[in-house]
Protein backbone atom coordinates (compact mmCIF):
# COMPACT_ATOMS: atom_id res chain seq x y z
CA MET A 1 0.08 0.28 0.11
CA GLY A 2 1.22 3.68 -0.47
CA LYS A 3 2.01 6.33 1.97
CA THR A 4 0.14 8.98 0.40
CA LYS A 5 -3.63 8.29 2.26
CA ILE A 6 -7.23 7.73 -0.22
CA ILE A 7 -10.24 9.19 1.38
CA ALA A 8 -13.52 7.95 -0.48
CA THR A 9 -16.87 9.65 -0.29
CA ILE A 10 -19.85 7.19 0.27
CA GLY A 11 -22.81 7.39 -2.04
CA GLU A 12 -25.57 5.66 -4.32
CA ALA A 13 -22.69 3.62 -6.24
CA THR A 14 -20.34 2.34 -2.58
CA ASN A 15 -23.41 2.63 -0.01
CA SER A 16 -23.81 -1.22 1.02
CA LYS A 17 -20.89 -3.38 3.33
CA GLU A 18 -20.17 -5.23 0.69
CA LYS A 19 -18.51 -2.31 -1.39
CA ILE A 20 -17.54 -0.39 1.55
CA LYS A 21 -15.29 -3.09 2.55
CA GLU A 22 -13.86 -3.83 -1.04
CA LEU A 23 -13.07 0.12 -0.78
CA ILE A 24 -10.78 -0.37 2.30
CA GLN A 25 -9.45 -3.75 0.96
CA LYS A 26 -8.27 -1.98 -2.07
CA GLY A 27 -6.71 0.82 -0.11
CA CYS A 28 -8.95 3.37 1.72
CA ASP A 29 -7.90 5.21 4.38
CA ALA A 30 -11.05 7.26 5.21
CA ILE A 31 -14.74 7.42 4.58
CA ARG A 32 -16.44 10.78 3.43
CA ILE A 33 -20.04 11.62 3.97
CA ASN A 34 -21.40 14.53 2.01
CA MET A 35 -23.95 16.10 4.59
CA ARG A 36 -24.81 18.20 1.80
CA GLN A 37 -26.83 14.81 0.26
CA ALA A 38 -27.02 13.08 3.12
CA ASN A 39 -29.62 12.61 5.68
CA TYR A 40 -28.87 11.26 9.40
CA SER A 41 -30.54 7.69 8.61
CA PHE A 42 -27.90 7.49 5.15
CA CYS A 43 -25.18 8.52 8.10
CA ASP A 44 -26.46 5.87 10.70
CA ASN A 45 -26.10 3.52 8.30
CA VAL A 46 -22.89 4.62 7.17
CA PHE A 47 -21.68 4.50 10.43
CA ASN A 48 -22.43 0.76 11.64
CA MET A 49 -21.06 -0.21 8.43
CA VAL A 50 -18.13 1.53 8.75
CA GLU A 51 -17.76 0.02 12.17
CA GLU A 52 -18.67 -3.39 11.09
CA VAL A 53 -15.50 -3.61 8.61
CA ASN A 54 -12.94 -1.99 10.82
CA LYS A 55 -13.90 -5.22 13.14
CA GLU A 56 -13.69 -7.84 10.44
CA LEU A 57 -10.50 -6.37 8.79
CA LYS A 58 -8.84 -5.23 12.06
CA THR A 59 -8.53 -1.38 10.34
CA ASN A 60 -8.96 1.49 11.28
CA VAL A 61 -10.49 3.84 8.64
CA SER A 62 -11.71 6.67 9.95
CA ILE A 63 -15.14 8.83 8.86
CA ILE A 64 -15.02 12.48 7.87
CA LEU A 65 -18.33 14.62 8.11
CA ASP A 66 -18.69 17.21 5.26
CA THR A 67 -20.45 19.96 5.91
CA ASN A 68 -22.69 21.90 4.24
CA GLY A 69 -21.60 25.38 4.75
CA PRO A 70 -22.75 29.19 4.24
CA ASP A 71 -23.87 28.87 0.78
CA ILE A 72 -26.06 30.61 -1.37
CA ARG A 73 -28.89 28.52 -3.39
CA VAL A 74 -31.32 28.39 -6.48
CA GLY A 75 -34.96 27.77 -5.12
CA GLN A 76 -37.60 25.43 -6.62
CA ILE A 77 -37.41 25.09 -10.44
CA LEU A 78 -39.94 24.02 -12.60
CA GLU A 79 -39.81 19.82 -13.02
CA ASP A 80 -36.66 20.81 -10.59
CA LYS A 81 -34.59 21.77 -14.14
CA ALA A 82 -34.48 24.55 -16.19
CA TYR A 83 -32.08 25.13 -19.48
CA PHE A 84 -30.43 28.93 -19.27
CA LYS A 85 -29.68 29.68 -23.38
CA GLU A 86 -26.73 31.70 -23.71
CA ASP A 87 -27.69 35.43 -24.43
CA THR A 88 -31.04 35.76 -23.40
CA ILE A 89 -32.11 37.36 -20.17
CA VAL A 90 -32.37 36.02 -16.58
CA ARG A 91 -34.18 37.89 -13.88
CA ILE A 92 -33.31 36.69 -10.08
CA TYR A 93 -35.95 37.66 -7.84
CA LYS A 94 -35.86 39.00 -3.83
CA GLU A 95 -38.98 37.14 -3.18
CA ASN A 96 -39.43 33.49 -3.47
CA ILE A 97 -40.89 32.19 -6.66
CA LEU A 98 -41.00 28.75 -9.11
CA GLY A 99 -38.35 28.98 -10.93
CA ASP A 100 -38.24 28.26 -15.11
CA GLU A 101 -36.02 29.09 -18.12
CA THR A 102 -36.24 32.95 -17.25
CA LYS A 103 -36.25 33.34 -13.73
CA PHE A 104 -35.53 32.49 -10.33
CA SER A 105 -35.08 33.31 -6.86
CA VAL A 106 -32.27 32.21 -3.63
CA ASN A 107 -32.53 31.08 -0.34
CA TYR A 108 -30.51 34.48 0.59
CA GLU A 109 -33.11 37.33 1.27
CA ASN A 110 -30.82 39.81 0.81
CA PHE A 111 -28.70 39.05 -2.47
CA VAL A 112 -30.84 41.54 -4.48
CA GLU A 113 -29.72 43.65 -2.38
CA LYS A 114 -26.15 42.85 -1.85
CA VAL A 115 -25.09 42.12 -5.71
CA LYS A 116 -23.64 44.92 -7.70
CA VAL A 117 -23.93 45.71 -11.54
CA GLU A 118 -21.75 44.27 -13.67
CA ASN A 119 -20.91 41.40 -10.59
CA THR A 120 -20.33 37.78 -12.42
CA ILE A 121 -22.58 34.76 -10.73
CA THR A 122 -22.31 31.71 -11.40
CA ILE A 123 -24.28 28.48 -10.92
CA ASN A 124 -24.04 24.52 -10.25
CA ASP A 125 -20.30 24.66 -9.92
CA GLY A 126 -19.84 27.20 -12.58
CA LEU A 127 -21.25 25.69 -14.94
CA VAL A 128 -23.31 28.56 -15.49
CA GLU A 129 -22.41 31.82 -15.52
CA LEU A 130 -24.45 35.16 -15.40
CA ILE A 131 -23.61 38.66 -15.23
CA VAL A 132 -25.68 41.48 -13.43
CA GLU A 133 -26.84 44.59 -16.21
CA GLU A 134 -29.46 46.18 -14.48
CA LYS A 135 -30.73 45.96 -10.11
CA GLU A 136 -34.36 47.03 -9.72
CA GLU A 137 -35.89 47.07 -6.41
CA LEU A 138 -37.34 43.73 -6.69
CA TYR A 139 -35.13 41.82 -8.83
CA LEU A 140 -31.39 41.64 -10.47
CA LYS A 141 -31.70 41.53 -14.60
CA CYS A 142 -28.91 39.11 -15.64
CA ARG A 143 -27.68 38.39 -19.20
CA VAL A 144 -26.42 34.51 -19.27
CA VAL A 145 -22.92 34.27 -20.45
CA LYS A 146 -22.21 30.97 -20.70
CA GLY A 147 -25.53 28.46 -20.82
CA GLY A 148 -26.36 25.47 -19.10
CA ILE A 149 -28.72 23.24 -17.14
CA ILE A 150 -29.38 24.53 -13.98
CA ASN A 151 -31.51 22.83 -10.76
CA SER A 152 -33.17 23.40 -7.68
CA ASN A 153 -30.87 24.16 -5.08
CA SER A 154 -27.33 24.44 -7.52
CA ASP A 155 -25.25 26.44 -5.62
CA ILE A 156 -24.25 29.61 -6.96
CA HIS A 157 -21.48 31.92 -6.17
CA VAL A 158 -21.01 35.93 -6.56
CA VAL A 159 -17.34 36.15 -7.80
CA GLY A 160 -15.14 38.55 -5.90
CA ILE A 161 -18.23 40.01 -3.32
CA LYS A 162 -18.32 37.87 0.32
CA LEU A 163 -22.14 38.27 1.52
CA ASP A 164 -23.11 39.15 5.38
CA ILE A 165 -24.35 34.89 5.65
CA PRO A 166 -23.82 33.48 9.38
CA PHE A 167 -21.19 30.49 9.02
CA LEU A 168 -22.51 28.06 10.98
CA SER A 169 -26.32 27.89 9.74
CA GLU A 170 -28.35 25.75 12.03
CA LYS A 171 -28.65 22.99 9.40
CA ASP A 172 -24.47 22.97 9.99
CA LYS A 173 -25.07 23.48 13.82
CA GLU A 174 -27.26 20.46 13.96
CA ASP A 175 -24.77 18.58 11.53
CA ILE A 176 -22.04 19.34 14.02
CA LEU A 177 -23.91 17.55 16.77
CA TYR A 178 -24.72 14.76 14.83
CA ALA A 179 -20.89 13.98 14.31
CA HIS A 180 -19.81 14.67 17.81
CA LYS A 181 -22.75 12.13 19.09
CA LYS A 182 -21.35 9.60 16.39
CA ASN A 183 -17.90 10.13 17.39
CA ALA A 184 -17.01 11.53 13.68
CA ASP A 185 -13.13 11.42 13.65
CA PHE A 186 -12.63 14.50 11.47
CA LEU A 187 -14.88 17.84 10.52
CA ALA A 188 -14.34 18.87 6.82
CA VAL A 189 -15.76 22.86 7.13
CA SER A 190 -17.18 24.00 4.19
CA TYR A 191 -17.05 27.63 2.46
CA VAL A 192 -14.11 28.74 5.15
CA SER A 193 -13.22 32.50 4.27
CA SER A 194 -11.30 33.14 7.49
CA SER A 195 -9.59 31.65 11.00
CA GLU A 196 -12.41 32.72 12.28
CA ASP A 197 -14.74 30.57 10.67
CA ILE A 198 -12.46 27.65 12.08
CA LEU A 199 -12.49 28.96 15.54
CA GLU A 200 -16.29 29.53 15.56
CA VAL A 201 -16.10 25.84 14.98
CA ASN A 202 -13.84 25.02 17.59
CA ASP A 203 -15.54 26.84 20.17
CA MET A 204 -18.72 24.46 19.58
CA LEU A 205 -16.56 21.58 20.00
CA ILE A 206 -14.95 23.08 23.49
CA GLU A 207 -18.27 23.59 24.48
CA LEU A 208 -19.56 20.03 23.67
CA GLY A 209 -16.23 18.94 25.27
CA ASN A 210 -14.77 17.37 21.65
CA ASP A 211 -11.16 17.26 21.89
CA HIS A 212 -10.83 13.98 19.23
CA MET A 213 -12.52 15.16 15.90
CA GLY A 214 -10.13 17.01 13.80
CA ILE A 215 -10.91 20.04 11.52
CA ILE A 216 -10.01 20.07 8.34
CA ALA A 217 -10.73 23.52 6.63
CA LYS A 218 -11.86 23.18 2.93
CA ILE A 219 -10.21 26.28 0.69
CA GLU A 220 -13.20 27.04 -1.78
CA ARG A 221 -12.58 30.74 -2.07
CA GLU A 222 -10.45 33.48 -3.23
CA SER A 223 -10.80 35.16 0.74
CA SER A 224 -9.41 31.46 1.85
CA VAL A 225 -6.63 31.69 -0.26
CA GLU A 226 -5.64 34.99 0.84
CA GLU A 227 -6.47 34.39 4.49
CA ILE A 228 -4.35 30.69 3.96
CA ASP A 229 -1.34 31.21 6.72
CA GLU A 230 -3.83 32.16 9.78
CA ILE A 231 -6.49 28.99 8.59
CA ILE A 232 -3.39 26.91 8.56
CA LYS A 233 -2.43 27.48 11.96
CA VAL A 234 -6.01 27.20 13.69
CA SER A 235 -6.67 24.07 11.66
CA ASP A 236 -5.46 20.40 11.98
CA GLY A 237 -5.75 19.91 7.97
CA ILE A 238 -6.75 21.91 5.05
CA MET A 239 -8.68 20.54 1.77
CA ILE A 240 -8.39 22.00 -1.50
CA ALA A 241 -12.09 21.52 -3.07
CA ARG A 242 -10.28 22.31 -6.65
CA THR A 243 -14.00 22.33 -8.30
CA ASP A 244 -15.22 25.38 -5.88
CA LEU A 245 -12.19 26.98 -5.91
CA GLY A 246 -12.53 26.85 -9.78
CA VAL A 247 -15.87 29.02 -9.65
CA GLU A 248 -14.04 31.88 -7.77
CA ILE A 249 -10.44 32.19 -9.41
CA PRO A 250 -9.04 31.50 -13.02
CA MET A 251 -8.45 27.93 -12.87
CA GLU A 252 -4.99 28.07 -14.57
CA ARG A 253 -4.29 29.65 -10.48
CA ILE A 254 -5.07 26.26 -9.22
CA PRO A 255 -2.29 24.25 -9.94
CA ARG A 256 0.02 26.60 -8.34
CA ILE A 257 -1.99 27.49 -4.92
CA GLN A 258 -2.18 23.43 -4.70
CA LYS A 259 1.28 23.40 -4.42
CA SER A 260 1.88 26.26 -2.11
CA VAL A 261 -0.66 24.93 -0.10
CA ILE A 262 0.75 21.36 0.38
CA SER A 263 4.13 23.00 1.13
CA LYS A 264 2.83 25.31 3.82
CA CYS A 265 0.62 23.04 5.57
CA HIS A 266 3.47 20.44 5.27
CA ILE A 267 5.82 23.02 6.90
CA ALA A 268 3.21 23.79 9.73
CA GLY A 269 2.69 19.80 10.37
CA LYS A 270 -0.85 19.87 9.33
CA ILE A 271 -2.28 17.63 6.58
CA SER A 272 -2.95 18.14 3.60
CA ILE A 273 -5.64 17.12 1.01
CA VAL A 274 -6.50 17.32 -2.96
CA ALA A 275 -10.23 17.16 -3.77
CA ALA A 276 -12.76 16.97 -6.45
CA GLU A 277 -12.05 15.95 -9.87
CA LEU A 278 -9.03 13.51 -9.33
CA ILE A 279 -9.89 11.28 -11.88
CA SER A 280 -13.67 11.83 -12.90
CA THR A 281 -13.41 10.24 -16.42
CA MET A 282 -13.56 6.66 -14.30
CA GLU A 283 -17.18 7.89 -13.44
CA GLU A 284 -17.99 6.43 -16.87
CA ASN A 285 -14.71 4.78 -18.45
CA MET A 286 -12.38 1.93 -16.85
CA ARG A 287 -9.33 4.03 -17.56
CA PRO A 288 -8.35 7.24 -16.72
CA THR A 289 -6.54 10.37 -18.66
CA ARG A 290 -2.86 10.53 -19.00
CA ALA A 291 -3.48 13.82 -17.71
CA GLU A 292 -5.49 12.51 -14.64
CA VAL A 293 -2.75 10.05 -13.38
CA SER A 294 0.41 13.19 -14.17
CA ASP A 295 -2.57 15.30 -11.82
CA ILE A 296 -2.57 12.32 -8.52
CA ALA A 297 0.79 11.67 -9.26
CA ASN A 298 2.43 15.42 -9.36
CA ALA A 299 0.64 16.01 -5.74
CA VAL A 300 2.28 12.78 -4.45
CA LEU A 301 5.37 13.94 -5.49
CA ASP A 302 4.54 17.12 -3.86
CA GLY A 303 4.48 15.38 -0.92
CA VAL A 304 0.07 15.86 -0.06
CA ASP A 305 -1.05 13.40 2.79
CA ALA A 306 -3.56 12.58 1.26
CA VAL A 307 -5.91 11.96 -2.17
CA MET A 308 -10.12 12.95 -1.96
CA LEU A 309 -12.70 10.84 -4.28
CA SER A 310 -15.81 12.86 -4.99
CA GLY A 311 -18.29 11.66 -8.00
CA GLU A 312 -16.24 8.96 -8.75
CA THR A 313 -17.21 6.83 -5.73
CA THR A 314 -20.78 8.51 -4.82
CA ILE A 315 -22.19 7.77 -8.40
CA GLY A 316 -19.33 6.16 -10.66
CA LYS A 317 -19.54 3.46 -12.48
CA TYR A 318 -16.47 1.74 -11.45
CA PRO A 319 -15.93 2.66 -7.93
CA ILE A 320 -13.57 -0.22 -7.04
CA GLU A 321 -11.67 0.00 -9.61
CA THR A 322 -11.11 3.36 -9.11
CA LEU A 323 -9.74 3.21 -6.03
CA ASP A 324 -7.31 0.87 -7.08
CA MET A 325 -5.94 2.56 -9.90
CA VAL A 326 -5.60 5.39 -7.39
CA GLU A 327 -3.59 3.59 -5.26
CA LYS A 328 -1.69 2.03 -8.26
CA ILE A 329 -0.75 5.76 -8.97
CA ILE A 330 0.53 6.40 -5.67
CA VAL A 331 2.59 3.49 -5.32
CA SER A 332 4.12 3.87 -8.67
CA ALA A 333 5.06 8.18 -7.80
CA GLU A 334 5.91 7.21 -4.14
CA GLU A 335 9.12 6.06 -5.71
CA GLY A 336 10.03 9.54 -7.43
CA ILE A 337 9.44 11.84 -3.93
CA ASP A 338 12.41 13.67 -3.08
CA TYR A 339 12.14 12.52 0.74
CA LEU A 340 15.37 13.66 2.02
CA GLY A 341 14.28 16.97 0.03
CA LEU A 342 11.16 16.98 2.26
CA LEU A 343 12.98 15.91 5.46
CA ASP A 344 15.86 18.99 4.66
CA LYS A 345 12.77 21.94 4.15
CA ALA A 346 11.03 19.95 7.43
CA ALA A 347 14.02 20.26 9.39
CA ARG A 348 14.41 23.83 8.85
CA THR A 349 11.57 25.25 10.66
CA GLU A 350 11.20 22.53 13.24
CA LYS A 351 11.20 23.61 17.06
CA GLN A 352 14.20 21.96 18.86
CA ASP A 353 12.59 20.04 21.46
CA ILE A 354 13.34 16.18 22.57
CA THR A 355 10.47 14.80 20.35
CA GLY A 356 11.44 16.93 17.05
CA GLU A 357 14.97 16.18 17.31
CA ILE A 358 14.73 12.64 17.99
CA SER A 359 12.03 12.24 14.96
CA TYR A 360 14.02 13.79 12.30
CA SER A 361 17.05 11.76 13.39
CA VAL A 362 14.60 8.39 13.11
CA ALA A 363 13.37 9.63 9.35
CA MET A 364 17.07 10.56 8.27
CA LEU A 365 17.81 7.10 10.02
CA SER A 366 15.55 5.00 8.45
CA CYS A 367 16.59 7.09 4.63
CA ARG A 368 20.23 5.91 5.09
CA LEU A 369 20.19 3.00 6.31
CA LYS A 370 17.16 1.82 4.24
CA CYS A 371 15.18 0.65 7.12
CA LYS A 372 11.55 -1.61 6.37
CA LEU A 373 9.90 -0.12 8.66
CA ILE A 374 9.80 2.60 11.66
CA VAL A 375 7.52 1.58 14.67
CA ALA A 376 6.34 4.40 16.91
CA PRO A 377 4.34 3.00 19.92
CA THR A 378 1.90 6.23 21.24
CA ILE A 379 -0.72 7.10 23.43
CA SER A 380 -1.69 10.63 21.42
CA GLY A 381 -0.33 9.94 18.26
CA TYR A 382 1.80 13.10 18.79
CA THR A 383 5.19 11.12 17.55
CA ALA A 384 3.96 9.38 15.14
CA ARG A 385 2.18 12.77 13.70
CA LYS A 386 6.28 14.49 14.15
CA ILE A 387 7.71 11.47 12.22
CA SER A 388 5.36 11.75 9.18
CA ARG A 389 5.64 15.23 8.78
CA PHE A 390 9.51 14.56 7.87
CA ARG A 391 8.29 12.46 5.27
CA PRO A 392 10.45 9.29 5.66
CA SER A 393 10.67 6.90 2.79
CA CYS A 394 9.29 4.01 4.74
CA PRO A 395 6.44 3.01 6.06
CA ILE A 396 5.45 4.50 10.20
CA LEU A 397 3.65 1.48 12.46
CA ALA A 398 1.79 3.73 15.11
CA ILE A 399 0.94 1.30 17.49
CA THR A 400 -1.62 2.20 20.40
CA ASN A 401 -4.17 1.12 22.81
CA ASP A 402 -6.60 3.50 21.86
CA SER A 403 -9.03 3.64 18.86
CA ASN A 404 -10.13 7.04 18.68
CA THR A 405 -5.67 7.90 18.55
CA ALA A 406 -5.27 5.23 15.88
CA LYS A 407 -8.46 7.10 13.81
CA SER A 408 -6.69 9.92 14.28
CA LEU A 409 -3.37 9.10 12.06
CA SER A 410 -5.15 7.81 9.21
CA LEU A 411 -5.09 11.47 7.08
CA ASN A 412 -1.30 11.32 8.14
CA PHE A 413 1.65 10.35 5.27
CA GLY A 414 2.73 7.40 5.81
CA ILE A 415 1.01 5.81 8.77
CA VAL A 416 -0.54 2.52 9.49
CA PRO A 417 -1.82 2.41 12.91
CA VAL A 418 -2.60 -0.36 14.50
CA ILE A 419 -4.17 -1.14 17.93
CA VAL A 420 -2.94 -3.75 20.38
CA ASN A 421 -3.42 -4.12 24.56
CA GLU A 422 -1.68 -1.90 26.72
CA PHE A 423 2.30 -2.41 27.56
CA LYS A 424 3.69 -3.58 30.44
CA ASP A 425 7.39 -2.13 30.35
CA LEU A 426 9.50 -1.97 27.47
CA ASP A 427 10.57 -5.35 26.59
CA SER A 428 7.57 -6.70 26.03
CA MET A 429 6.65 -3.58 24.17
CA LEU A 430 9.88 -4.32 22.13
CA ASN A 431 8.97 -7.35 21.53
CA LYS A 432 5.13 -7.27 20.61
CA SER A 433 6.76 -4.21 18.27
CA LYS A 434 8.80 -6.70 16.08
CA LYS A 435 6.12 -9.21 16.25
CA ILE A 436 3.47 -7.12 14.46
CA ALA A 437 5.87 -5.66 12.16
CA THR A 438 7.61 -9.08 10.94
CA LEU A 439 3.55 -10.01 9.98
CA GLN A 440 1.89 -6.65 8.67
CA PHE A 441 4.62 -5.74 6.50
CA GLN A 442 5.87 -9.64 5.80
CA LEU A 443 9.79 -8.63 6.37
CA GLU A 444 12.49 -11.00 5.78
CA GLU A 445 15.58 -11.54 7.67
CA LYS A 446 18.36 -8.46 7.90
CA ASP A 447 15.56 -6.20 7.24
CA LYS A 448 16.07 -3.45 9.59
CA ILE A 449 13.47 -1.15 12.02
CA VAL A 450 13.62 1.50 13.81
CA ILE A 451 11.76 1.83 17.00
CA THR A 452 11.06 4.76 18.54
CA GLY A 453 8.80 6.44 21.45
CA GLY A 454 8.66 7.41 25.40
CA TYR A 455 9.22 6.07 28.24
CA PRO A 456 7.91 4.88 30.44
CA PHE A 457 4.19 5.13 29.26
CA LYS A 458 2.30 7.48 30.44
CA GLU A 459 4.62 9.41 32.26
CA VAL A 460 7.13 10.76 29.66
CA LYS A 461 5.08 13.01 27.82
CA HIS A 462 7.83 13.49 25.14
CA THR A 463 9.90 10.80 22.95
CA ASN A 464 12.91 9.61 24.53
CA PHE A 465 14.73 6.00 22.92
CA VAL A 466 15.30 5.07 19.72
CA LYS A 467 16.45 1.41 19.00
CA ILE A 468 17.72 -0.06 15.92
CA GLU A 469 16.47 -3.56 15.20
CA GLU A 470 17.44 -6.50 13.04
CA ILE A 471 15.07 -9.20 11.89
């Protein structure tokens, strides 16, 4: 299996225990539920299926809930669909009306008031584009610049304007409360504009007493790109959601932004995820394009922690084959990663503390001695994350007695979490670690592994030993 993690979104194509089991067997590390399309009954079913499969396969696949976010959506359309012809006039009304090919309303009552003449409005992930020509008291008169189909509840973006919508809607608050009750592992927060948005979510989790659920900020707006450094500081990870981001900014800027965000996350020791249109050709075909293969490989070569599948595993015809293909691309691309270059970049910004210095030494040793594995017994996951930041060329086996810790490590580059009974002493820990490593990674005689951690367990709060073992 590759060290770069794979997230699969569950939908009608994969909503069964058998399909989820196949996805996990093919290399899926985390399951995503998109709350824009899911109800709580659907979610309950997915949680139960993932828990059952984790027990059967002895895996620690995590669950990510993706919030709806403070988005604006099209109101009800006649027969749920309308075609906007290029160069025709469409009116957007302030009052709630039944839409058609000439008019529609939105779910934000101040829309007509806030939008200005000459603003560009995009609908349905940018497939339809309007420009505002006139502004009346009750409606906006717009010309269709790019024609296409819109549906009831299609998303709407106004390019270059931040509308004063409360960041957490009542639905988002209910969804976060649901995620807390179900002990979800990560929360992907949609349409983040600034660090204050993430702090608002964090405050809610603090009030709930939830210190397990990681917060992933989705970068979908130009304002979030401008505020990226502050957003990274207060988040556990960043998801570069390229489809929605490409609606707000010219798509030719996205590759550069993606590389920059991956690098910034690596330096900060935060999770980076590339999402959207990863390998969308395989929604309908058995083979990806060469451009899609290169796209995934380049993200891997840049040192991304994880890549995410959306439509490919929700509505695609070949979800299992798609995940298998992504895994093959990852494994091949990882042979070309500049591990020492990534290690050096992380080392230059690492705090000079004991755990950081030992983690750096472990990553360097594993590269220089061509070790097959790093073993990191951990209670909180801190040591394993530190080592992951240095991007060692071999996997990191994180041994823990806590299932929450194991799942919290599911998105970090190179970490394979395994749950064991609590270690009693150093000798039993070393012996147990060697046994698990040999079985899990099929090690052979003379293979070298590095074991590192903190001892005595529960008493020491930092990593304080390194041991190199030869099988």
